[in-house]
Amino acid sequence: MAMSNLRTLVKKVIPRNLFSAIEPYGHLIESVIMNVRYGFPGRKLRVIGVTGTNGKTTTSFMIQRMLHEAGYKVALLTTVANGVGDDIVPQMEHITTAQASVLQRRLREFVKAGVDWVVVETSSHSLAQYRVWGVPYEIAVMTNVTNDHLDYHRTFERYLDTKRQLFVLANKHGLRHGVVNADDPNAQKFVDSIQNHTTYGLSAGDIRAESVELNSDHTQYLAKATDAEYRIRVNIPGEFNVSNSLAAVSVGRVLGLTGYCCSEVCRRSDERH
């Protein structure tokens, strides 16, 4: 019997509150089994996880495109689309992070295809349910955290702590790196969860947006760090896309990519999403 069918059967025969309590452990068992079945494929890939209430998908697209422009073979797993390189196709189910059986199978396919990096949009549900167990995130990105999904997490504190687990997971795998939105009031909790980190923002951060110009069809600004600055143009409007693109630029800085790769991906982001 497939794990999904077994889960449905159990849900029908036990009380709802009991099912809610044990459900995450069912996902954990599934994750362990699927990692073993597919040979722990995440260990053979470099993985970037993007979490947050808003901006996850756009930021994931930008990071994927930036690494692609830098010459890497990059896979993308998001709510709206999946694929490798230029072959990105719509994801009709609109599930942010797939069940372990699907996720591990896809990671195994990426290994066989010779993929270097995988950018995974990582939901709070997948973290709470251990769906991403066994995935060794190399970089964890936080876009922002606002009140959402409280029907599942019950309290904002639990929701926040679940999001933070992406950084805890990355920190467990050695010298990993966190990229955090310094404009978010909860930023420090994420910074404290990982040894190595870079912050970004419009008002604060290691990488800041200055001289922001908001236009009807694009946004441009100067991304400024202590030792470098990049002229950024984002061909999708809105101040929130300044933040999303800054997150991508910060990842590029962490990986030592050129200023051209960092700025070019933002300029061309409308072609991808």
C-alpha atoms as a PDB file:
ATOM      1  CA  MET A   1       0.000   0.000   0.000  1.00  0.00           C
ATOM      2  CA  ALA A   2       1.336   3.452  -0.927  1.00  0.00           C
ATOM      3  CA  MET A   3       2.149   5.780   1.957  1.00  0.00           C
ATOM      4  CA  SER A   4      -0.483   8.290   0.808  1.00  0.00           C
ATOM      5  CA  ASN A   5      -3.180   5.594   0.773  1.00  0.00           C
ATOM      6  CA  LEU A   6      -2.132   4.347   4.195  1.00  0.00           C
ATOM      7  CA  ARG A   7      -2.266   7.907   5.544  1.00  0.00           C
ATOM      8  CA  THR A   8      -5.790   8.342   4.169  1.00  0.00           C
ATOM      9  CA  LEU A   9      -6.932   5.083   5.759  1.00  0.00           C
ATOM     10  CA  VAL A  10      -5.467   5.958   9.161  1.00  0.00           C
ATOM     11  CA  LYS A  11      -7.070   9.411   8.996  1.00  0.00           C
ATOM     12  CA  LYS A  12     -10.489   7.787   8.572  1.00  0.00           C
ATOM     13  CA  VAL A  13     -10.260   5.422  11.535  1.00  0.00           C
ATOM     14  CA  ILE A  14      -8.675   7.477  14.330  1.00  0.00           C
ATOM     15  CA  PRO A  15      -9.765  10.729  16.029  1.00  0.00           C
ATOM     16  CA  ARG A  16      -8.773  13.939  14.254  1.00  0.00           C
ATOM     17  CA  ASN A  17      -6.714  15.341  17.139  1.00  0.00           C
ATOM     18  CA  LEU A  18      -4.772  12.083  17.446  1.00  0.00           C
ATOM     19  CA  PHE A  19      -4.094  12.025  13.707  1.00  0.00           C
ATOM     20  CA  SER A  20      -2.803  15.612  13.851  1.00  0.00           C
ATOM     21  CA  ALA A  21      -0.401  14.604  16.617  1.00  0.00           C
ATOM     22  CA  ILE A  22       1.061  11.563  14.854  1.00  0.00           C
ATOM     23  CA  GLU A  23       0.913  12.758  11.230  1.00  0.00           C
ATOM     24  CA  PRO A  24       4.385  14.399  11.222  1.00  0.00           C
ATOM     25  CA  TYR A  25       5.978  11.121  12.295  1.00  0.00           C
ATOM     26  CA  GLY A  26       4.296   9.311   9.425  1.00  0.00           C
ATOM     27  CA  HIS A  27       5.897  11.823   7.078  1.00  0.00           C
ATOM     28  CA  LEU A  28       9.233  11.305   8.830  1.00  0.00           C
ATOM     29  CA  ILE A  29       9.040   7.539   8.310  1.00  0.00           C
ATOM     30  CA  GLU A  30       8.182   8.134   4.655  1.00  0.00           C
ATOM     31  CA  SER A  31      11.139  10.530   4.296  1.00  0.00           C
ATOM     32  CA  VAL A  32      13.563   8.018   5.783  1.00  0.00           C
ATOM     33  CA  ILE A  33      12.274   5.228   3.540  1.00  0.00           C
ATOM     34  CA  MET A  34      12.446   7.378   0.404  1.00  0.00           C
ATOM     35  CA  ASN A  35      15.941   8.636   1.184  1.00  0.00           C
ATOM     36  CA  VAL A  36      17.121   5.046   1.543  1.00  0.00           C
ATOM     37  CA  ARG A  37      15.236   3.947  -1.583  1.00  0.00           C
ATOM     38  CA  TYR A  38      16.784   6.651  -3.762  1.00  0.00           C
ATOM     39  CA  GLY A  39      20.222   6.595  -2.155  1.00  0.00           C
ATOM     40  CA  PHE A  40      20.071   9.916  -0.268  1.00  0.00           C
ATOM     41  CA  PRO A  41      20.192  11.959  -3.499  1.00  0.00           C
ATOM     42  CA  GLY A  42      20.328  15.293  -1.692  1.00  0.00           C
ATOM     43  CA  ARG A  43      23.847  14.464  -0.527  1.00  0.00           C
ATOM     44  CA  LYS A  44      24.998  14.444  -4.148  1.00  0.00           C
ATOM     45  CA  LEU A  45      23.568  17.909  -4.868  1.00  0.00           C
ATOM     46  CA  ARG A  46      24.068  21.442  -3.594  1.00  0.00           C
ATOM     47  CA  VAL A  47      20.738  22.654  -2.252  1.00  0.00           C
ATOM     48  CA  ILE A  48      19.405  26.147  -1.568  1.00  0.00           C
ATOM     49  CA  GLY A  49      16.184  26.426   0.430  1.00  0.00           C
ATOM     50  CA  VAL A  50      13.981  29.520   0.298  1.00  0.00           C
ATOM     51  CA  THR A  51      11.346  30.004   2.987  1.00  0.00           C
ATOM     52  CA  GLY A  52       9.086  32.851   4.067  1.00  0.00           C
ATOM     53  CA  THR A  53       5.475  33.938   3.938  1.00  0.00           C
ATOM     54  CA  ASN A  54       5.771  35.981   0.747  1.00  0.00           C
ATOM     55  CA  GLY A  55       8.299  36.209  -2.062  1.00  0.00           C
ATOM     56  CA  LYS A  56       9.531  32.607  -1.954  1.00  0.00           C
ATOM     57  CA  THR A  57       8.653  31.761  -5.530  1.00  0.00           C
ATOM     58  CA  THR A  58      10.012  34.937  -7.135  1.00  0.00           C
ATOM     59  CA  THR A  59      13.204  34.757  -5.083  1.00  0.00           C
ATOM     60  CA  SER A  60      13.670  31.088  -5.997  1.00  0.00           C
ATOM     61  CA  PHE A  61      13.302  31.906  -9.700  1.00  0.00           C
ATOM     62  CA  MET A  62      15.857  34.713  -9.401  1.00  0.00           C
ATOM     63  CA  ILE A  63      18.393  32.511  -7.627  1.00  0.00           C
ATOM     64  CA  GLN A  64      17.925  29.709 -10.161  1.00  0.00           C
ATOM     65  CA  ARG A  65      18.412  32.088 -13.051  1.00  0.00           C
ATOM     66  CA  MET A  66      21.463  33.702 -11.455  1.00  0.00           C
ATOM     67  CA  LEU A  67      23.226  30.360 -11.008  1.00  0.00           C
ATOM     68  CA  HIS A  68      22.225  29.352 -14.537  1.00  0.00           C
ATOM     69  CA  GLU A  69      23.777  32.552 -15.910  1.00  0.00           C
ATOM     70  CA  ALA A  70      26.933  31.721 -13.934  1.00  0.00           C
ATOM     71  CA  GLY A  71      27.279  28.463 -15.862  1.00  0.00           C
ATOM     72  CA  TYR A  72      25.834  25.954 -13.414  1.00  0.00           C
ATOM     73  CA  LYS A  73      23.228  23.321 -14.217  1.00  0.00           C
ATOM     74  CA  VAL A  74      20.416  24.328 -11.876  1.00  0.00           C
ATOM     75  CA  ALA A  75      17.110  22.681 -10.998  1.00  0.00           C
ATOM     76  CA  LEU A  76      14.098  24.506  -9.593  1.00  0.00           C
ATOM     77  CA  LEU A  77      11.291  23.206  -7.374  1.00  0.00           C
ATOM     78  CA  THR A  78       8.587  25.791  -6.568  1.00  0.00           C
ATOM     79  CA  THR A  79       4.855  26.166  -6.077  1.00  0.00           C
ATOM     80  CA  VAL A  80       4.234  27.139  -9.694  1.00  0.00           C
ATOM     81  CA  ALA A  81       7.007  25.504 -11.739  1.00  0.00           C
ATOM     82  CA  ASN A  82       9.695  22.821 -11.732  1.00  0.00           C
ATOM     83  CA  GLY A  83      12.521  21.892 -14.053  1.00  0.00           C
ATOM     84  CA  VAL A  84      16.172  22.204 -14.978  1.00  0.00           C
ATOM     85  CA  GLY A  85      17.960  25.082 -16.698  1.00  0.00           C
ATOM     86  CA  ASP A  86      15.773  26.648 -19.371  1.00  0.00           C
ATOM     87  CA  ASP A  87      13.354  23.710 -19.307  1.00  0.00           C
ATOM     88  CA  ILE A  88      11.040  25.026 -16.586  1.00  0.00           C
ATOM     89  CA  VAL A  89       7.442  23.774 -16.779  1.00  0.00           C
ATOM     90  CA  PRO A  90       4.284  24.671 -14.797  1.00  0.00           C
ATOM     91  CA  GLN A  91       3.568  22.697 -11.657  1.00  0.00           C
ATOM     92  CA  MET A  92      -0.174  22.117 -11.876  1.00  0.00           C
ATOM     93  CA  GLU A  93      -0.706  20.810  -8.330  1.00  0.00           C
ATOM     94  CA  HIS A  94       0.581  24.085  -6.818  1.00  0.00           C
ATOM     95  CA  ILE A  95       2.108  22.230  -3.876  1.00  0.00           C
ATOM     96  CA  THR A  96       5.016  24.267  -2.541  1.00  0.00           C
ATOM     97  CA  THR A  97       7.136  21.358  -1.306  1.00  0.00           C
ATOM     98  CA  ALA A  98       6.193  17.881  -2.494  1.00  0.00           C
ATOM     99  CA  GLN A  99       5.735  14.770  -0.380  1.00  0.00           C
ATOM    100  CA  ALA A 100       8.966  12.915   0.346  1.00  0.00           C
ATOM    101  CA  SER A 101       8.218  10.211  -2.229  1.00  0.00           C
ATOM    102  CA  VAL A 102       8.002  12.816  -4.999  1.00  0.00           C
ATOM    103  CA  LEU A 103      10.758  15.082  -3.682  1.00  0.00           C
ATOM    104  CA  GLN A 104      13.354  12.330  -3.311  1.00  0.00           C
ATOM    105  CA  ARG A 105      12.493  10.861  -6.718  1.00  0.00           C
ATOM    106  CA  ARG A 106      12.986  14.254  -8.327  1.00  0.00           C
ATOM    107  CA  LEU A 107      16.269  14.788  -6.528  1.00  0.00           C
ATOM    108  CA  ARG A 108      17.427  11.398  -7.782  1.00  0.00           C
ATOM    109  CA  GLU A 109      16.461  12.438 -11.332  1.00  0.00           C
ATOM    110  CA  PHE A 110      18.480  15.624 -10.899  1.00  0.00           C
ATOM    111  CA  VAL A 111      21.516  13.615  -9.807  1.00  0.00           C
ATOM    112  CA  LYS A 112      21.241  11.428 -12.909  1.00  0.00           C
ATOM    113  CA  ALA A 113      20.895  14.552 -15.074  1.00  0.00           C
ATOM    114  CA  GLY A 114      24.144  15.984 -13.724  1.00  0.00           C
ATOM    115  CA  VAL A 115      22.547  18.914 -11.897  1.00  0.00           C
ATOM    116  CA  ASP A 116      24.885  21.033  -9.756  1.00  0.00           C
ATOM    117  CA  TRP A 117      22.414  23.084  -7.700  1.00  0.00           C
ATOM    118  CA  VAL A 118      18.772  22.707  -6.704  1.00  0.00           C
ATOM    119  CA  VAL A 119      16.709  25.672  -5.515  1.00  0.00           C
ATOM    120  CA  VAL A 120      13.840  24.403  -3.354  1.00  0.00           C
ATOM    121  CA  GLU A 121      10.960  26.616  -2.278  1.00  0.00           C
ATOM    122  CA  THR A 122      10.479  25.222   1.222  1.00  0.00           C
ATOM    123  CA  SER A 123       7.141  25.584   3.004  1.00  0.00           C
ATOM    124  CA  SER A 124       6.466  25.616   6.727  1.00  0.00           C
ATOM    125  CA  HIS A 125       4.234  22.569   6.270  1.00  0.00           C
ATOM    126  CA  SER A 126       7.098  20.567   4.746  1.00  0.00           C
ATOM    127  CA  LEU A 127       9.377  21.532   7.630  1.00  0.00           C
ATOM    128  CA  ALA A 128       6.783  20.695  10.289  1.00  0.00           C
ATOM    129  CA  GLN A 129       6.022  17.363   8.630  1.00  0.00           C
ATOM    130  CA  TYR A 130       9.657  16.307   8.079  1.00  0.00           C
ATOM    131  CA  ARG A 131       9.094  16.067   4.314  1.00  0.00           C
ATOM    132  CA  VAL A 132      12.542  17.547   3.693  1.00  0.00           C
ATOM    133  CA  TRP A 133      14.325  15.240   6.135  1.00  0.00           C
ATOM    134  CA  GLY A 134      17.596  14.104   4.606  1.00  0.00           C
ATOM    135  CA  VAL A 135      17.996  17.163   2.369  1.00  0.00           C
ATOM    136  CA  PRO A 136      21.327  18.823   3.327  1.00  0.00           C
ATOM    137  CA  TYR A 137      20.583  22.482   2.657  1.00  0.00           C
ATOM    138  CA  GLU A 138      23.741  24.434   1.908  1.00  0.00           C
ATOM    139  CA  ILE A 139      22.127  27.870   1.927  1.00  0.00           C
ATOM    140  CA  ALA A 140      18.915  28.859   3.718  1.00  0.00           C
ATOM    141  CA  VAL A 141      17.080  32.031   2.672  1.00  0.00           C
ATOM    142  CA  MET A 142      14.362  33.835   4.667  1.00  0.00           C
ATOM    143  CA  THR A 143      12.262  36.387   2.768  1.00  0.00           C
ATOM    144  CA  ASN A 144       9.852  37.474   5.537  1.00  0.00           C
ATOM    145  CA  VAL A 145       7.468  36.035   8.104  1.00  0.00           C
ATOM    146  CA  THR A 146       3.945  37.373   8.646  1.00  0.00           C
ATOM    147  CA  ASN A 147       0.746  35.908  10.071  1.00  0.00           C
ATOM    148  CA  ASP A 148      -0.257  33.032   7.812  1.00  0.00           C
ATOM    149  CA  HIS A 149      -1.130  29.334   7.994  1.00  0.00           C
ATOM    150  CA  LEU A 150      -2.207  29.765  11.621  1.00  0.00           C
ATOM    151  CA  ASP A 151      -5.012  27.297  10.952  1.00  0.00           C
ATOM    152  CA  TYR A 152      -2.259  24.670  10.796  1.00  0.00           C
ATOM    153  CA  HIS A 153       0.411  26.020  13.147  1.00  0.00           C
ATOM    154  CA  ARG A 154      -2.121  27.419  15.687  1.00  0.00           C
ATOM    155  CA  THR A 155       0.128  30.266  16.893  1.00  0.00           C
ATOM    156  CA  PHE A 156       2.475  32.727  15.209  1.00  0.00           C
ATOM    157  CA  GLU A 157       5.286  31.609  17.519  1.00  0.00           C
ATOM    158  CA  ARG A 158       4.969  28.008  16.307  1.00  0.00           C
ATOM    159  CA  TYR A 159       4.805  29.182  12.699  1.00  0.00           C
ATOM    160  CA  LEU A 160       7.924  31.307  13.182  1.00  0.00           C
ATOM    161  CA  ASP A 161       9.810  28.491  14.881  1.00  0.00           C
ATOM    162  CA  THR A 162       8.886  26.096  12.072  1.00  0.00           C
ATOM    163  CA  LYS A 163      10.260  28.503   9.456  1.00  0.00           C
ATOM    164  CA  ARG A 164      13.417  28.827  11.534  1.00  0.00           C
ATOM    165  CA  GLN A 165      13.990  25.066  11.314  1.00  0.00           C
ATOM    166  CA  LEU A 166      15.320  25.507   7.762  1.00  0.00           C
ATOM    167  CA  PHE A 167      18.235  27.435   9.259  1.00  0.00           C
ATOM    168  CA  VAL A 168      18.648  24.893  12.049  1.00  0.00           C
ATOM    169  CA  LEU A 169      18.863  22.133   9.421  1.00  0.00           C
ATOM    170  CA  ALA A 170      21.435  24.061   7.395  1.00  0.00           C
ATOM    171  CA  ASN A 171      23.497  24.768  10.501  1.00  0.00           C
ATOM    172  CA  LYS A 172      23.647  21.049  11.334  1.00  0.00           C
ATOM    173  CA  HIS A 173      25.455  20.350   8.076  1.00  0.00           C
ATOM    174  CA  GLY A 174      28.630  22.235   8.964  1.00  0.00           C
ATOM    175  CA  LEU A 175      29.753  25.511   7.444  1.00  0.00           C
ATOM    176  CA  ARG A 176      26.473  26.413   5.804  1.00  0.00           C
ATOM    177  CA  HIS A 177      25.097  29.913   5.285  1.00  0.00           C
ATOM    178  CA  GLY A 178      21.903  31.770   6.095  1.00  0.00           C
ATOM    179  CA  VAL A 179      20.568  34.748   4.130  1.00  0.00           C
ATOM    180  CA  VAL A 180      18.114  36.816   6.170  1.00  0.00           C
ATOM    181  CA  ASN A 181      15.865  39.804   5.469  1.00  0.00           C
ATOM    182  CA  ALA A 182      17.045  42.362   8.040  1.00  0.00           C
ATOM    183  CA  ASP A 183      13.874  44.426   7.539  1.00  0.00           C
ATOM    184  CA  ASP A 184      11.777  41.654   9.060  1.00  0.00           C
ATOM    185  CA  PRO A 185      11.126  42.172  12.797  1.00  0.00           C
ATOM    186  CA  ASN A 186      11.937  38.499  13.445  1.00  0.00           C
ATOM    187  CA  ALA A 187      15.257  38.535  11.582  1.00  0.00           C
ATOM    188  CA  GLN A 188      17.425  38.093  14.668  1.00  0.00           C
ATOM    189  CA  LYS A 189      15.839  34.744  15.512  1.00  0.00           C
ATOM    190  CA  PHE A 190      16.943  33.418  12.135  1.00  0.00           C
ATOM    191  CA  VAL A 191      20.406  34.965  12.420  1.00  0.00           C
ATOM    192  CA  ASP A 192      20.834  33.304  15.817  1.00  0.00           C
ATOM    193  CA  SER A 193      19.964  29.907  14.308  1.00  0.00           C
ATOM    194  CA  ILE A 194      22.988  29.654  12.025  1.00  0.00           C
ATOM    195  CA  GLN A 195      26.669  30.393  12.501  1.00  0.00           C
ATOM    196  CA  ASN A 196      27.346  31.963   9.097  1.00  0.00           C
ATOM    197  CA  HIS A 197      24.896  34.526   7.803  1.00  0.00           C
ATOM    198  CA  THR A 198      24.377  37.498   5.519  1.00  0.00           C
ATOM    199  CA  THR A 199      21.607  40.033   6.029  1.00  0.00           C
ATOM    200  CA  TYR A 200      19.956  42.238   3.437  1.00  0.00           C
ATOM    201  CA  GLY A 201      17.336  44.960   3.425  1.00  0.00           C
ATOM    202  CA  LEU A 202      16.115  48.397   2.474  1.00  0.00           C
ATOM    203  CA  SER A 203      16.770  49.898   5.895  1.00  0.00           C
ATOM    204  CA  ALA A 204      19.497  47.654   7.327  1.00  0.00           C
ATOM    205  CA  GLY A 205      21.710  44.680   6.513  1.00  0.00           C
ATOM    206  CA  ASP A 206      25.090  43.654   5.161  1.00  0.00           C
ATOM    207  CA  ILE A 207      23.722  44.355   1.675  1.00  0.00           C
ATOM    208  CA  ARG A 208      21.366  47.336   1.401  1.00  0.00           C
ATOM    209  CA  ALA A 209      19.213  48.845  -1.311  1.00  0.00           C
ATOM    210  CA  GLU A 210      19.904  52.537  -1.839  1.00  0.00           C
ATOM    211  CA  SER A 211      18.647  55.124  -4.342  1.00  0.00           C
ATOM    212  CA  VAL A 212      15.521  53.052  -5.010  1.00  0.00           C
ATOM    213  CA  GLU A 213      13.437  54.165  -8.006  1.00  0.00           C
ATOM    214  CA  LEU A 214       9.962  52.651  -8.292  1.00  0.00           C
ATOM    215  CA  ASN A 215       8.384  52.775 -11.752  1.00  0.00           C
ATOM    216  CA  SER A 216       5.218  51.359 -13.269  1.00  0.00           C
ATOM    217  CA  ASP A 217       7.042  48.663 -15.239  1.00  0.00           C
ATOM    218  CA  HIS A 218      10.344  48.213 -13.410  1.00  0.00           C
ATOM    219  CA  THR A 219      12.358  49.062 -10.314  1.00  0.00           C
ATOM    220  CA  GLN A 220      15.992  50.021 -10.063  1.00  0.00           C
ATOM    221  CA  TYR A 221      18.341  50.604  -7.167  1.00  0.00           C
ATOM    222  CA  LEU A 222      21.918  50.373  -5.961  1.00  0.00           C
ATOM    223  CA  ALA A 223      22.755  47.210  -3.994  1.00  0.00           C
ATOM    224  CA  LYS A 224      25.538  48.285  -1.678  1.00  0.00           C
ATOM    225  CA  ALA A 225      27.853  46.187   0.493  1.00  0.00           C
ATOM    226  CA  THR A 226      30.954  47.271   2.405  1.00  0.00           C
ATOM    227  CA  ASP A 227      33.294  46.253  -0.409  1.00  0.00           C
ATOM    228  CA  ALA A 228      31.155  46.392  -3.553  1.00  0.00           C
ATOM    229  CA  GLU A 229      28.043  47.833  -5.141  1.00  0.00           C
ATOM    230  CA  TYR A 230      25.803  46.663  -7.962  1.00  0.00           C
ATOM    231  CA  ARG A 231      23.406  48.639 -10.118  1.00  0.00           C
ATOM    232  CA  ILE A 232      20.228  46.544 -10.157  1.00  0.00           C
ATOM    233  CA  ARG A 233      17.226  46.812 -12.459  1.00  0.00           C
ATOM    234  CA  VAL A 234      14.244  44.528 -11.854  1.00  0.00           C
ATOM    235  CA  ASN A 235      11.799  44.373 -14.741  1.00  0.00           C
ATOM    236  CA  ILE A 236       8.854  43.694 -12.466  1.00  0.00           C
ATOM    237  CA  PRO A 237       7.493  46.578 -10.358  1.00  0.00           C
ATOM    238  CA  GLY A 238       7.015  46.848  -6.612  1.00  0.00           C
ATOM    239  CA  GLU A 239       9.154  47.536  -3.563  1.00  0.00           C
ATOM    240  CA  PHE A 240       8.746  43.922  -2.457  1.00  0.00           C
ATOM    241  CA  ASN A 241      10.707  42.887  -5.542  1.00  0.00           C
ATOM    242  CA  VAL A 242      13.578  45.059  -4.349  1.00  0.00           C
ATOM    243  CA  SER A 243      13.657  42.786  -1.303  1.00  0.00           C
ATOM    244  CA  ASN A 244      13.278  39.606  -3.372  1.00  0.00           C
ATOM    245  CA  SER A 245      16.098  40.571  -5.721  1.00  0.00           C
ATOM    246  CA  LEU A 246      18.313  41.617  -2.801  1.00  0.00           C
ATOM    247  CA  ALA A 247      17.907  38.104  -1.400  1.00  0.00           C
ATOM    248  CA  ALA A 248      19.102  36.657  -4.716  1.00  0.00           C
ATOM    249  CA  VAL A 249      21.998  39.120  -4.906  1.00  0.00           C
ATOM    250  CA  SER A 250      22.979  38.144  -1.350  1.00  0.00           C
ATOM    251  CA  VAL A 251      23.106  34.472  -2.334  1.00  0.00           C
ATOM    252  CA  GLY A 252      25.286  35.445  -5.282  1.00  0.00           C
ATOM    253  CA  ARG A 253      27.629  37.297  -2.946  1.00  0.00           C
ATOM    254  CA  VAL A 254      27.849  34.289  -0.631  1.00  0.00           C
ATOM    255  CA  LEU A 255      28.820  32.095  -3.595  1.00  0.00           C
ATOM    256  CA  GLY A 256      31.312  34.591  -4.980  1.00  0.00           C
ATOM    257  CA  LEU A 257      29.469  35.205  -8.243  1.00  0.00           C
ATOM    258  CA  THR A 258      30.318  38.220 -10.379  1.00  0.00           C
ATOM    259  CA  GLY A 259      28.407  41.458 -10.181  1.00  0.00           C
ATOM    260  CA  TYR A 260      27.243  40.851 -13.746  1.00  0.00           C
ATOM    261  CA  CYS A 261      25.541  37.576 -12.798  1.00  0.00           C
ATOM    262  CA  CYS A 262      23.882  39.215  -9.805  1.00  0.00           C
ATOM    263  CA  SER A 263      22.552  42.206 -11.740  1.00  0.00           C
ATOM    264  CA  GLU A 264      21.711  40.468 -15.023  1.00  0.00           C
ATOM    265  CA  VAL A 265      19.413  37.921 -13.403  1.00  0.00           C
ATOM    266  CA  CYS A 266      17.328  40.691 -11.850  1.00  0.00           C
ATOM    267  CA  ARG A 267      17.046  42.544 -15.141  1.00  0.00           C
ATOM    268  CA  ARG A 268      15.805  39.408 -16.899  1.00  0.00           C
ATOM    269  CA  SER A 269      13.577  38.112 -14.100  1.00  0.00           C
ATOM    270  CA  ASP A 270      10.378  38.992 -15.968  1.00  0.00           C
ATOM    271  CA  GLU A 271      11.309  36.476 -18.659  1.00  0.00           C
ATOM    272  CA  ARG A 272      11.110  33.648 -16.158  1.00  0.00           C
ATOM    273  CA  HIS A 273       8.201  34.488 -13.889  1.00  0.00           C
END
